[in-house]
Amino acid sequence: MFSDVVLIKTSLYAAIAVASGLVAILFIAAVRLLTDIWIIGFASTAIGILTLVVGQALIVSLIGIFVRSQRPMSLVVDSHQYLAAVERVSVVQPREVDRVT
């Protein structure tokens, strides 16, 4: 069950990274095309780096989904693989310890 939480969080963070990257790419392109404010090579470098970030976020999310779908792990179904033995443990009430003063 823990892997489900990790997969959901990873996909959520990847979606946030993709959305932020696309917004930043649109903003940089708009500033470059619609204003006279520019630095030589800034727009192409920034858009290139943001494209890599967006691509990596998509790949991480897709790899997580494909790996999960190939061999889903369920502690109920796969529990026999992880148990070596079952033992009963009795609960013993703690006794009071004499304090030395």
PDB file of N, CA and C in Angstrom:
ATOM      1  N   MET A   1       0.814  -1.191   0.000  1.00  0.00           N
ATOM      2  CA  MET A   1       0.000   0.000   0.000  1.00  0.00           C
ATOM      3  C   MET A   1       0.861   1.260   0.000  1.00  0.00           C
ATOM      4  N   PHE A   2       2.068   1.170   0.570  1.00  0.00           N
ATOM      5  CA  PHE A   2       2.934   2.330   0.621  1.00  0.00           C
ATOM      6  C   PHE A   2       3.371   2.754  -0.775  1.00  0.00           C
ATOM      7  N   SER A   3       3.551   1.791  -1.670  1.00  0.00           N
ATOM      8  CA  SER A   3       3.980   2.133  -3.032  1.00  0.00           C
ATOM      9  C   SER A   3       2.909   2.920  -3.767  1.00  0.00           C
ATOM     10  N   ASP A   4       1.634   2.692  -3.435  1.00  0.00           N
ATOM     11  CA  ASP A   4       0.565   3.481  -4.042  1.00  0.00           C
ATOM     12  C   ASP A   4       0.694   4.946  -3.661  1.00  0.00           C
ATOM     13  N   VAL A   5       0.999   5.205  -2.417  1.00  0.00           N
ATOM     14  CA  VAL A   5       1.154   6.584  -1.949  1.00  0.00           C
ATOM     15  C   VAL A   5       2.336   7.250  -2.640  1.00  0.00           C
ATOM     16  N   VAL A   6       3.435   6.524  -2.771  1.00  0.00           N
ATOM     17  CA  VAL A   6       4.621   7.068  -3.434  1.00  0.00           C
ATOM     18  C   VAL A   6       4.317   7.366  -4.901  1.00  0.00           C
ATOM     19  N   LEU A   7       3.621   6.463  -5.566  1.00  0.00           N
ATOM     20  CA  LEU A   7       3.281   6.663  -6.966  1.00  0.00           C
ATOM     21  C   LEU A   7       2.363   7.864  -7.153  1.00  0.00           C
ATOM     22  N   ILE A   8       1.393   8.025  -6.284  1.00  0.00           N
ATOM     23  CA  ILE A   8       0.477   9.164  -6.379  1.00  0.00           C
ATOM     24  C   ILE A   8       1.222  10.467  -6.139  1.00  0.00           C
ATOM     25  N   LYS A   9       2.074  10.501  -5.119  1.00  0.00           N
ATOM     26  CA  LYS A   9       2.831  11.728  -4.845  1.00  0.00           C
ATOM     27  C   LYS A   9       3.796  12.047  -5.971  1.00  0.00           C
ATOM     28  N   THR A  10       4.467  11.045  -6.512  1.00  0.00           N
ATOM     29  CA  THR A  10       5.394  11.265  -7.618  1.00  0.00           C
ATOM     30  C   THR A  10       4.660  11.787  -8.847  1.00  0.00           C
ATOM     31  N   SER A  11       3.508  11.207  -9.149  1.00  0.00           N
ATOM     32  CA  SER A  11       2.727  11.672 -10.294  1.00  0.00           C
ATOM     33  C   SER A  11       2.212  13.086 -10.074  1.00  0.00           C
ATOM     34  N   LEU A  12       1.821  13.397  -8.848  1.00  0.00           N
ATOM     35  CA  LEU A  12       1.336  14.747  -8.547  1.00  0.00           C
ATOM     36  C   LEU A  12       2.457  15.770  -8.687  1.00  0.00           C
ATOM     37  N   TYR A  13       3.629  15.462  -8.139  1.00  0.00           N
ATOM     38  CA  TYR A  13       4.769  16.376  -8.268  1.00  0.00           C
ATOM     39  C   TYR A  13       5.207  16.510  -9.723  1.00  0.00           C
ATOM     40  N   ALA A  14       5.138  15.430 -10.478  1.00  0.00           N
ATOM     41  CA  ALA A  14       5.494  15.495 -11.897  1.00  0.00           C
ATOM     42  C   ALA A  14       4.496  16.367 -12.657  1.00  0.00           C
ATOM     43  N   ALA A  15       3.210  16.255 -12.329  1.00  0.00           N
ATOM     44  CA  ALA A  15       2.202  17.090 -12.982  1.00  0.00           C
ATOM     45  C   ALA A  15       2.417  18.565 -12.649  1.00  0.00           C
ATOM     46  N   ILE A  16       2.782  18.842 -11.414  1.00  0.00           N
ATOM     47  CA  ILE A  16       3.074  20.225 -11.020  1.00  0.00           C
ATOM     48  C   ILE A  16       4.299  20.742 -11.774  1.00  0.00           C
ATOM     49  N   ALA A  17       5.330  19.907 -11.908  1.00  0.00           N
ATOM     50  CA  ALA A  17       6.537  20.309 -12.636  1.00  0.00           C
ATOM     51  C   ALA A  17       6.228  20.553 -14.108  1.00  0.00           C
ATOM     52  N   VAL A  18       5.408  19.701 -14.707  1.00  0.00           N
ATOM     53  CA  VAL A  18       5.035  19.879 -16.112  1.00  0.00           C
ATOM     54  C   VAL A  18       4.245  21.167 -16.299  1.00  0.00           C
ATOM     55  N   ALA A  19       3.246  21.384 -15.449  1.00  0.00           N
ATOM     56  CA  ALA A  19       2.425  22.593 -15.564  1.00  0.00           C
ATOM     57  C   ALA A  19       3.264  23.855 -15.348  1.00  0.00           C
ATOM     58  N   SER A  20       4.120  23.836 -14.338  1.00  0.00           N
ATOM     59  CA  SER A  20       4.986  24.993 -14.076  1.00  0.00           C
ATOM     60  C   SER A  20       5.949  25.232 -15.231  1.00  0.00           C
ATOM     61  N   GLY A  21       6.510  24.176 -15.774  1.00  0.00           N
ATOM     62  CA  GLY A  21       7.427  24.304 -16.900  1.00  0.00           C
ATOM     63  C   GLY A  21       6.750  24.877 -18.132  1.00  0.00           C
ATOM     64  N   LEU A  22       5.541  24.405 -18.408  1.00  0.00           N
ATOM     65  CA  LEU A  22       4.823  24.919 -19.576  1.00  0.00           C
ATOM     66  C   LEU A  22       4.432  26.384 -19.402  1.00  0.00           C
ATOM     67  N   VAL A  23       4.012  26.745 -18.193  1.00  0.00           N
ATOM     68  CA  VAL A  23       3.684  28.155 -17.929  1.00  0.00           C
ATOM     69  C   VAL A  23       4.934  29.019 -18.081  1.00  0.00           C
ATOM     70  N   ALA A  24       6.056  28.551 -17.560  1.00  0.00           N
ATOM     71  CA  ALA A  24       7.298  29.309 -17.672  1.00  0.00           C
ATOM     72  C   ALA A  24       7.743  29.428 -19.131  1.00  0.00           C
ATOM     73  N   ILE A  25       7.603  28.361 -19.915  1.00  0.00           N
ATOM     74  CA  ILE A  25       7.955  28.413 -21.338  1.00  0.00           C
ATOM     75  C   ILE A  25       7.083  29.435 -22.063  1.00  0.00           C
ATOM     76  N   LEU A  26       5.779  29.412 -21.792  1.00  0.00           N
ATOM     77  CA  LEU A  26       4.885  30.389 -22.427  1.00  0.00           C
ATOM     78  C   LEU A  26       5.230  31.806 -22.011  1.00  0.00           C
ATOM     79  N   PHE A  27       5.559  32.001 -20.746  1.00  0.00           N
ATOM     80  CA  PHE A  27       5.915  33.334 -20.263  1.00  0.00           C
ATOM     81  C   PHE A  27       7.195  33.840 -20.931  1.00  0.00           C
ATOM     82  N   ILE A  28       8.207  32.991 -20.999  1.00  0.00           N
ATOM     83  CA  ILE A  28       9.473  33.388 -21.618  1.00  0.00           C
ATOM     84  C   ILE A  28       9.275  33.702 -23.100  1.00  0.00           C
ATOM     85  N   ALA A  29       8.497  32.862 -23.784  1.00  0.00           N
ATOM     86  CA  ALA A  29       8.237  33.110 -25.204  1.00  0.00           C
ATOM     87  C   ALA A  29       7.455  34.410 -25.398  1.00  0.00           C
ATOM     88  N   ALA A  30       6.487  34.677 -24.525  1.00  0.00           N
ATOM     89  CA  ALA A  30       5.715  35.911 -24.630  1.00  0.00           C
ATOM     90  C   ALA A  30       6.587  37.132 -24.381  1.00  0.00           C
ATOM     91  N   VAL A  31       7.431  37.076 -23.368  1.00  0.00           N
ATOM     92  CA  VAL A  31       8.329  38.204 -23.081  1.00  0.00           C
ATOM     93  C   VAL A  31       9.277  38.425 -24.254  1.00  0.00           C
ATOM     94  N   ARG A  32       9.790  37.350 -24.813  1.00  0.00           N
ATOM     95  CA  ARG A  32      10.746  37.475 -25.928  1.00  0.00           C
ATOM     96  C   ARG A  32      10.081  38.024 -27.183  1.00  0.00           C
ATOM     97  N   LEU A  33       8.855  37.580 -27.477  1.00  0.00           N
ATOM     98  CA  LEU A  33       8.211  37.980 -28.728  1.00  0.00           C
ATOM     99  C   LEU A  33       7.469  39.305 -28.635  1.00  0.00           C
ATOM    100  N   LEU A  34       6.943  39.630 -27.459  1.00  0.00           N
ATOM    101  CA  LEU A  34       6.064  40.795 -27.342  1.00  0.00           C
ATOM    102  C   LEU A  34       6.730  42.035 -26.762  1.00  0.00           C
ATOM    103  N   THR A  35       7.961  41.925 -26.289  1.00  0.00           N
ATOM    104  CA  THR A  35       8.629  43.085 -25.702  1.00  0.00           C
ATOM    105  C   THR A  35      10.001  43.273 -26.324  1.00  0.00           C
ATOM    106  N   ASP A  36      10.599  44.388 -25.984  1.00  0.00           N
ATOM    107  CA  ASP A  36      11.957  44.651 -26.438  1.00  0.00           C
ATOM    108  C   ASP A  36      12.996  44.246 -25.401  1.00  0.00           C
ATOM    109  N   ILE A  37      12.530  43.625 -24.315  1.00  0.00           N
ATOM    110  CA  ILE A  37      13.431  43.174 -23.260  1.00  0.00           C
ATOM    111  C   ILE A  37      13.972  41.797 -23.653  1.00  0.00           C
ATOM    112  N   TRP A  38      15.273  41.705 -23.845  1.00  0.00           N
ATOM    113  CA  TRP A  38      15.847  40.415 -24.189  1.00  0.00           C
ATOM    114  C   TRP A  38      17.333  40.406 -23.894  1.00  0.00           C
ATOM    115  N   ILE A  39      17.812  39.218 -23.651  1.00  0.00           N
ATOM    116  CA  ILE A  39      19.240  38.971 -23.465  1.00  0.00           C
ATOM    117  C   ILE A  39      19.605  37.908 -24.487  1.00  0.00           C
ATOM    118  N   ILE A  40      20.712  38.090 -25.154  1.00  0.00           N
ATOM    119  CA  ILE A  40      21.099  37.172 -26.225  1.00  0.00           C
ATOM    120  C   ILE A  40      21.229  35.748 -25.674  1.00  0.00           C
ATOM    121  N   GLY A  41      20.467  34.839 -26.251  1.00  0.00           N
ATOM    122  CA  GLY A  41      20.539  33.433 -25.888  1.00  0.00           C
ATOM    123  C   GLY A  41      19.737  33.026 -24.663  1.00  0.00           C
ATOM    124  N   PHE A  42      19.140  33.981 -23.944  1.00  0.00           N
ATOM    125  CA  PHE A  42      18.432  33.627 -22.716  1.00  0.00           C
ATOM    126  C   PHE A  42      17.184  32.802 -23.008  1.00  0.00           C
ATOM    127  N   ALA A  43      16.360  33.254 -23.947  1.00  0.00           N
ATOM    128  CA  ALA A  43      15.094  32.572 -24.215  1.00  0.00           C
ATOM    129  C   ALA A  43      15.335  31.149 -24.702  1.00  0.00           C
ATOM    130  N   SER A  44      16.257  30.974 -25.631  1.00  0.00           N
ATOM    131  CA  SER A  44      16.491  29.631 -26.155  1.00  0.00           C
ATOM    132  C   SER A  44      17.084  28.707 -25.094  1.00  0.00           C
ATOM    133  N   THR A  45      17.984  29.223 -24.257  1.00  0.00           N
ATOM    134  CA  THR A  45      18.566  28.406 -23.188  1.00  0.00           C
ATOM    135  C   THR A  45      17.529  28.046 -22.141  1.00  0.00           C
ATOM    136  N   ALA A  46      16.755  29.029 -21.713  1.00  0.00           N
ATOM    137  CA  ALA A  46      15.746  28.780 -20.679  1.00  0.00           C
ATOM    138  C   ALA A  46      14.662  27.832 -21.181  1.00  0.00           C
ATOM    139  N   ILE A  47      14.210  28.034 -22.391  1.00  0.00           N
ATOM    140  CA  ILE A  47      13.183  27.140 -22.939  1.00  0.00           C
ATOM    141  C   ILE A  47      13.744  25.736 -23.136  1.00  0.00           C
ATOM    142  N   GLY A  48      14.997  25.624 -23.542  1.00  0.00           N
ATOM    143  CA  GLY A  48      15.619  24.304 -23.682  1.00  0.00           C
ATOM    144  C   GLY A  48      15.723  23.571 -22.356  1.00  0.00           C
ATOM    145  N   ILE A  49      16.153  24.275 -21.326  1.00  0.00           N
ATOM    146  CA  ILE A  49      16.260  23.655 -19.994  1.00  0.00           C
ATOM    147  C   ILE A  49      14.885  23.274 -19.463  1.00  0.00           C
ATOM    148  N   LEU A  50      13.903  24.143 -19.626  1.00  0.00           N
ATOM    149  CA  LEU A  50      12.552  23.839 -19.153  1.00  0.00           C
ATOM    150  C   LEU A  50      11.931  22.686 -19.937  1.00  0.00           C
ATOM    151  N   THR A  51      12.267  22.572 -21.213  1.00  0.00           N
ATOM    152  CA  THR A  51      11.782  21.429 -21.998  1.00  0.00           C
ATOM    153  C   THR A  51      12.361  20.124 -21.451  1.00  0.00           C
ATOM    154  N   LEU A  52      13.628  20.134 -21.061  1.00  0.00           N
ATOM    155  CA  LEU A  52      14.226  18.942 -20.447  1.00  0.00           C
ATOM    156  C   LEU A  52      13.555  18.600 -19.119  1.00  0.00           C
ATOM    157  N   VAL A  53      13.256  19.624 -18.314  1.00  0.00           N
ATOM    158  CA  VAL A  53      12.589  19.387 -17.027  1.00  0.00           C
ATOM    159  C   VAL A  53      11.204  18.781 -17.248  1.00  0.00           C
ATOM    160  N   VAL A  54      10.463  19.334 -18.194  1.00  0.00           N
ATOM    161  CA  VAL A  54       9.127  18.809 -18.494  1.00  0.00           C
ATOM    162  C   VAL A  54       9.227  17.371 -19.004  1.00  0.00           C
ATOM    163  N   GLY A  55      10.171  17.118 -19.901  1.00  0.00           N
ATOM    164  CA  GLY A  55      10.344  15.759 -20.423  1.00  0.00           C
ATOM    165  C   GLY A  55      10.717  14.759 -19.345  1.00  0.00           C
ATOM    166  N   GLN A  56      11.622  15.134 -18.448  1.00  0.00           N
ATOM    167  CA  GLN A  56      12.012  14.226 -17.368  1.00  0.00           C
ATOM    168  C   GLN A  56      10.850  13.967 -16.412  1.00  0.00           C
ATOM    169  N   ALA A  57      10.067  14.989 -16.121  1.00  0.00           N
ATOM    170  CA  ALA A  57       8.914  14.801 -15.232  1.00  0.00           C
ATOM    171  C   ALA A  57       7.911  13.838 -15.860  1.00  0.00           C
ATOM    172  N   LEU A  58       7.687  13.971 -17.148  1.00  0.00           N
ATOM    173  CA  LEU A  58       6.766  13.052 -17.829  1.00  0.00           C
ATOM    174  C   LEU A  58       7.314  11.629 -17.831  1.00  0.00           C
ATOM    175  N   ILE A  59       8.598  11.482 -18.086  1.00  0.00           N
ATOM    176  CA  ILE A  59       9.195  10.145 -18.134  1.00  0.00           C
ATOM    177  C   ILE A  59       9.169   9.479 -16.758  1.00  0.00           C
ATOM    178  N   VAL A  60       9.472  10.228 -15.708  1.00  0.00           N
ATOM    179  CA  VAL A  60       9.442   9.662 -14.357  1.00  0.00           C
ATOM    180  C   VAL A  60       8.036   9.176 -14.019  1.00  0.00           C
ATOM    181  N   SER A  61       7.051   9.966 -14.347  1.00  0.00           N
ATOM    182  CA  SER A  61       5.675   9.577 -14.055  1.00  0.00           C
ATOM    183  C   SER A  61       5.267   8.349 -14.869  1.00  0.00           C
ATOM    184  N   LEU A  62       5.606   8.329 -16.139  1.00  0.00           N
ATOM    185  CA  LEU A  62       5.238   7.187 -16.985  1.00  0.00           C
ATOM    186  C   LEU A  62       5.973   5.915 -16.575  1.00  0.00           C
ATOM    187  N   ILE A  63       7.234   6.020 -16.214  1.00  0.00           N
ATOM    188  CA  ILE A  63       7.973   4.836 -15.764  1.00  0.00           C
ATOM    189  C   ILE A  63       7.341   4.281 -14.489  1.00  0.00           C
ATOM    190  N   GLY A  64       6.981   5.158 -13.577  1.00  0.00           N
ATOM    191  CA  GLY A  64       6.325   4.699 -12.354  1.00  0.00           C
ATOM    192  C   GLY A  64       5.017   3.986 -12.623  1.00  0.00           C
ATOM    193  N   ILE A  65       4.253   4.503 -13.556  1.00  0.00           N
ATOM    194  CA  ILE A  65       2.969   3.876 -13.881  1.00  0.00           C
ATOM    195  C   ILE A  65       3.179   2.531 -14.569  1.00  0.00           C
ATOM    196  N   PHE A  66       4.125   2.449 -15.526  1.00  0.00           N
ATOM    197  CA  PHE A  66       4.350   1.191 -16.232  1.00  0.00           C
ATOM    198  C   PHE A  66       4.943   0.125 -15.326  1.00  0.00           C
ATOM    199  N   VAL A  67       5.857   0.490 -14.460  1.00  0.00           N
ATOM    200  CA  VAL A  67       6.450  -0.482 -13.533  1.00  0.00           C
ATOM    201  C   VAL A  67       5.381  -0.995 -12.586  1.00  0.00           C
ATOM    202  N   ARG A  68       4.517  -0.114 -12.135  1.00  0.00           N
ATOM    203  CA  ARG A  68       3.449  -0.509 -11.208  1.00  0.00           C
ATOM    204  C   ARG A  68       2.449  -1.441 -11.882  1.00  0.00           C
ATOM    205  N   SER A  69       2.154  -1.213 -13.146  1.00  0.00           N
ATOM    206  CA  SER A  69       1.142  -2.030 -13.815  1.00  0.00           C
ATOM    207  C   SER A  69       1.670  -3.410 -14.198  1.00  0.00           C
ATOM    208  N   GLN A  70       2.994  -3.580 -14.323  1.00  0.00           N
ATOM    209  CA  GLN A  70       3.543  -4.884 -14.687  1.00  0.00           C
ATOM    210  C   GLN A  70       3.458  -5.879 -13.533  1.00  0.00           C
ATOM    211  N   ARG A  71       3.795  -5.457 -12.357  1.00  0.00           N
ATOM    212  CA  ARG A  71       3.788  -6.359 -11.200  1.00  0.00           C
ATOM    213  C   ARG A  71       3.256  -5.607 -10.002  1.00  0.00           C
ATOM    214  N   PRO A  72       1.943  -5.464  -9.929  1.00  0.00           N
ATOM    215  CA  PRO A  72       1.400  -4.767  -8.764  1.00  0.00           C
ATOM    216  C   PRO A  72       1.622  -5.577  -7.496  1.00  0.00           C
ATOM    217  N   MET A  73       1.961  -4.891  -6.442  1.00  0.00           N
ATOM    218  CA  MET A  73       2.208  -5.560  -5.173  1.00  0.00           C
ATOM    219  C   MET A  73       1.046  -5.292  -4.235  1.00  0.00           C
ATOM    220  N   SER A  74       0.484  -6.311  -3.735  1.00  0.00           N
ATOM    221  CA  SER A  74      -0.575  -6.176  -2.759  1.00  0.00           C
ATOM    222  C   SER A  74      -0.188  -7.002  -1.545  1.00  0.00           C
ATOM    223  N   LEU A  75      -0.209  -6.400  -0.390  1.00  0.00           N
ATOM    224  CA  LEU A  75       0.204  -7.132   0.813  1.00  0.00           C
ATOM    225  C   LEU A  75      -0.755  -8.275   1.129  1.00  0.00           C
ATOM    226  N   VAL A  76      -1.976  -8.193   0.682  1.00  0.00           N
ATOM    227  CA  VAL A  76      -2.920  -9.280   0.928  1.00  0.00           C
ATOM    228  C   VAL A  76      -2.611 -10.460   0.006  1.00  0.00           C
ATOM    229  N   VAL A  77      -2.381 -10.186  -1.264  1.00  0.00           N
ATOM    230  CA  VAL A  77      -2.148 -11.258  -2.235  1.00  0.00           C
ATOM    231  C   VAL A  77      -0.750 -11.843  -2.091  1.00  0.00           C
ATOM    232  N   ASP A  78       0.244 -10.993  -1.893  1.00  0.00           N
ATOM    233  CA  ASP A  78       1.635 -11.440  -1.873  1.00  0.00           C
ATOM    234  C   ASP A  78       2.180 -11.677  -0.469  1.00  0.00           C
ATOM    235  N   SER A  79       1.340 -11.753   0.528  1.00  0.00           N
ATOM    236  CA  SER A  79       1.833 -11.846   1.903  1.00  0.00           C
ATOM    237  C   SER A  79       2.616 -13.137   2.161  1.00  0.00           C
ATOM    238  N   HIS A  80       2.281 -14.209   1.469  1.00  0.00           N
ATOM    239  CA  HIS A  80       2.997 -15.474   1.687  1.00  0.00           C
ATOM    240  C   HIS A  80       4.469 -15.377   1.293  1.00  0.00           C
ATOM    241  N   GLN A  81       4.820 -14.450   0.406  1.00  0.00           N
ATOM    242  CA  GLN A  81       6.218 -14.289   0.006  1.00  0.00           C
ATOM    243  C   GLN A  81       7.040 -13.576   1.080  1.00  0.00           C
ATOM    244  N   TYR A  82       6.387 -12.806   1.922  1.00  0.00           N
ATOM    245  CA  TYR A  82       7.103 -11.976   2.878  1.00  0.00           C
ATOM    246  C   TYR A  82       7.074 -12.536   4.300  1.00  0.00           C
ATOM    247  N   LEU A  83       6.319 -13.589   4.545  1.00  0.00           N
ATOM    248  CA  LEU A  83       6.229 -14.164   5.878  1.00  0.00           C
ATOM    249  C   LEU A  83       7.080 -15.425   5.978  1.00  0.00           C
ATOM    250  N   ALA A  84       7.964 -15.449   6.945  1.00  0.00           N
ATOM    251  CA  ALA A  84       8.754 -16.650   7.173  1.00  0.00           C
ATOM    252  C   ALA A  84       8.037 -17.552   8.174  1.00  0.00           C
ATOM    253  N   ALA A  85       7.440 -16.951   9.197  1.00  0.00           N
ATOM    254  CA  ALA A  85       6.729 -17.708  10.211  1.00  0.00           C
ATOM    255  C   ALA A  85       5.782 -16.764  10.939  1.00  0.00           C
ATOM    256  N   VAL A  86       4.796 -17.363  11.586  1.00  0.00           N
ATOM    257  CA  VAL A  86       3.857 -16.584  12.383  1.00  0.00           C
ATOM    258  C   VAL A  86       3.986 -17.034  13.825  1.00  0.00           C
ATOM    259  N   GLU A  87       4.195 -16.084  14.716  1.00  0.00           N
ATOM    260  CA  GLU A  87       4.321 -16.383  16.134  1.00  0.00           C
ATOM    261  C   GLU A  87       3.332 -15.532  16.908  1.00  0.00           C
ATOM    262  N   ARG A  88       2.864 -16.068  18.002  1.00  0.00           N
ATOM    263  CA  ARG A  88       1.997 -15.294  18.879  1.00  0.00           C
ATOM    264  C   ARG A  88       2.851 -14.662  19.958  1.00  0.00           C
ATOM    265  N   VAL A  89       2.608 -13.416  20.194  1.00  0.00           N
ATOM    266  CA  VAL A  89       3.336 -12.690  21.221  1.00  0.00           C
ATOM    267  C   VAL A  89       2.318 -12.249  22.260  1.00  0.00           C
ATOM    268  N   SER A  90       2.567 -12.638  23.496  1.00  0.00           N
ATOM    269  CA  SER A  90       1.641 -12.245  24.559  1.00  0.00           C
ATOM    270  C   SER A  90       2.096 -10.920  25.155  1.00  0.00           C
ATOM    271  N   VAL A  91       1.128 -10.155  25.564  1.00  0.00           N
ATOM    272  CA  VAL A  91       1.421  -8.848  26.147  1.00  0.00           C
ATOM    273  C   VAL A  91       1.568  -9.024  27.649  1.00  0.00           C
ATOM    274  N   VAL A  92       2.688  -8.623  28.177  1.00  0.00           N
ATOM    275  CA  VAL A  92       2.960  -8.731  29.601  1.00  0.00           C
ATOM    276  C   VAL A  92       2.925  -7.325  30.186  1.00  0.00           C
ATOM    277  N   GLN A  93       2.215  -7.185  31.275  1.00  0.00           N
ATOM    278  CA  GLN A  93       2.134  -5.881  31.927  1.00  0.00           C
ATOM    279  C   GLN A  93       3.480  -5.552  32.554  1.00  0.00           C
ATOM    280  N   PRO A  94       3.966  -4.337  32.353  1.00  0.00           N
ATOM    281  CA  PRO A  94       5.250  -3.974  32.963  1.00  0.00           C
ATOM    282  C   PRO A  94       5.123  -3.911  34.483  1.00  0.00           C
ATOM    283  N   ARG A  95       6.153  -4.336  35.156  1.00  0.00           N
ATOM    284  CA  ARG A  95       6.121  -4.306  36.616  1.00  0.00           C
ATOM    285  C   ARG A  95       6.771  -3.021  37.105  1.00  0.00           C
ATOM    286  N   GLU A  96       6.435  -2.661  38.296  1.00  0.00           N
ATOM    287  CA  GLU A  96       6.989  -1.439  38.858  1.00  0.00           C
ATOM    288  C   GLU A  96       8.417  -1.689  39.309  1.00  0.00           C
ATOM    289  N   VAL A  97       9.259  -0.766  39.042  1.00  0.00           N
ATOM    290  CA  VAL A  97      10.666  -0.872  39.412  1.00  0.00           C
ATOM    291  C   VAL A  97      10.863  -0.053  40.693  1.00  0.00           C
ATOM    292  N   ASP A  98      11.540  -0.665  41.654  1.00  0.00           N
ATOM    293  CA  ASP A  98      11.820   0.051  42.889  1.00  0.00           C
ATOM    294  C   ASP A  98      12.853   1.133  42.617  1.00  0.00           C
ATOM    295  N   ARG A  99      12.561   2.292  43.138  1.00  0.00           N
ATOM    296  CA  ARG A  99      13.514   3.393  42.957  1.00  0.00           C
ATOM    297  C   ARG A  99      14.484   3.417  44.126  1.00  0.00           C
ATOM    298  N   VAL A 100      15.720   3.598  43.773  1.00  0.00           N
ATOM    299  CA  VAL A 100      16.743   3.723  44.814  1.00  0.00           C
ATOM    300  C   VAL A 100      16.944   5.208  45.074  1.00  0.00           C
ATOM    301  N   THR A 101      16.792   5.589  46.325  1.00  0.00           N
ATOM    302  CA  THR A 101      16.959   7.008  46.668  1.00  0.00           C
ATOM    303  C   THR A 101      18.236   7.257  47.405  1.00  0.00           C
TER     304      THR A 101
END
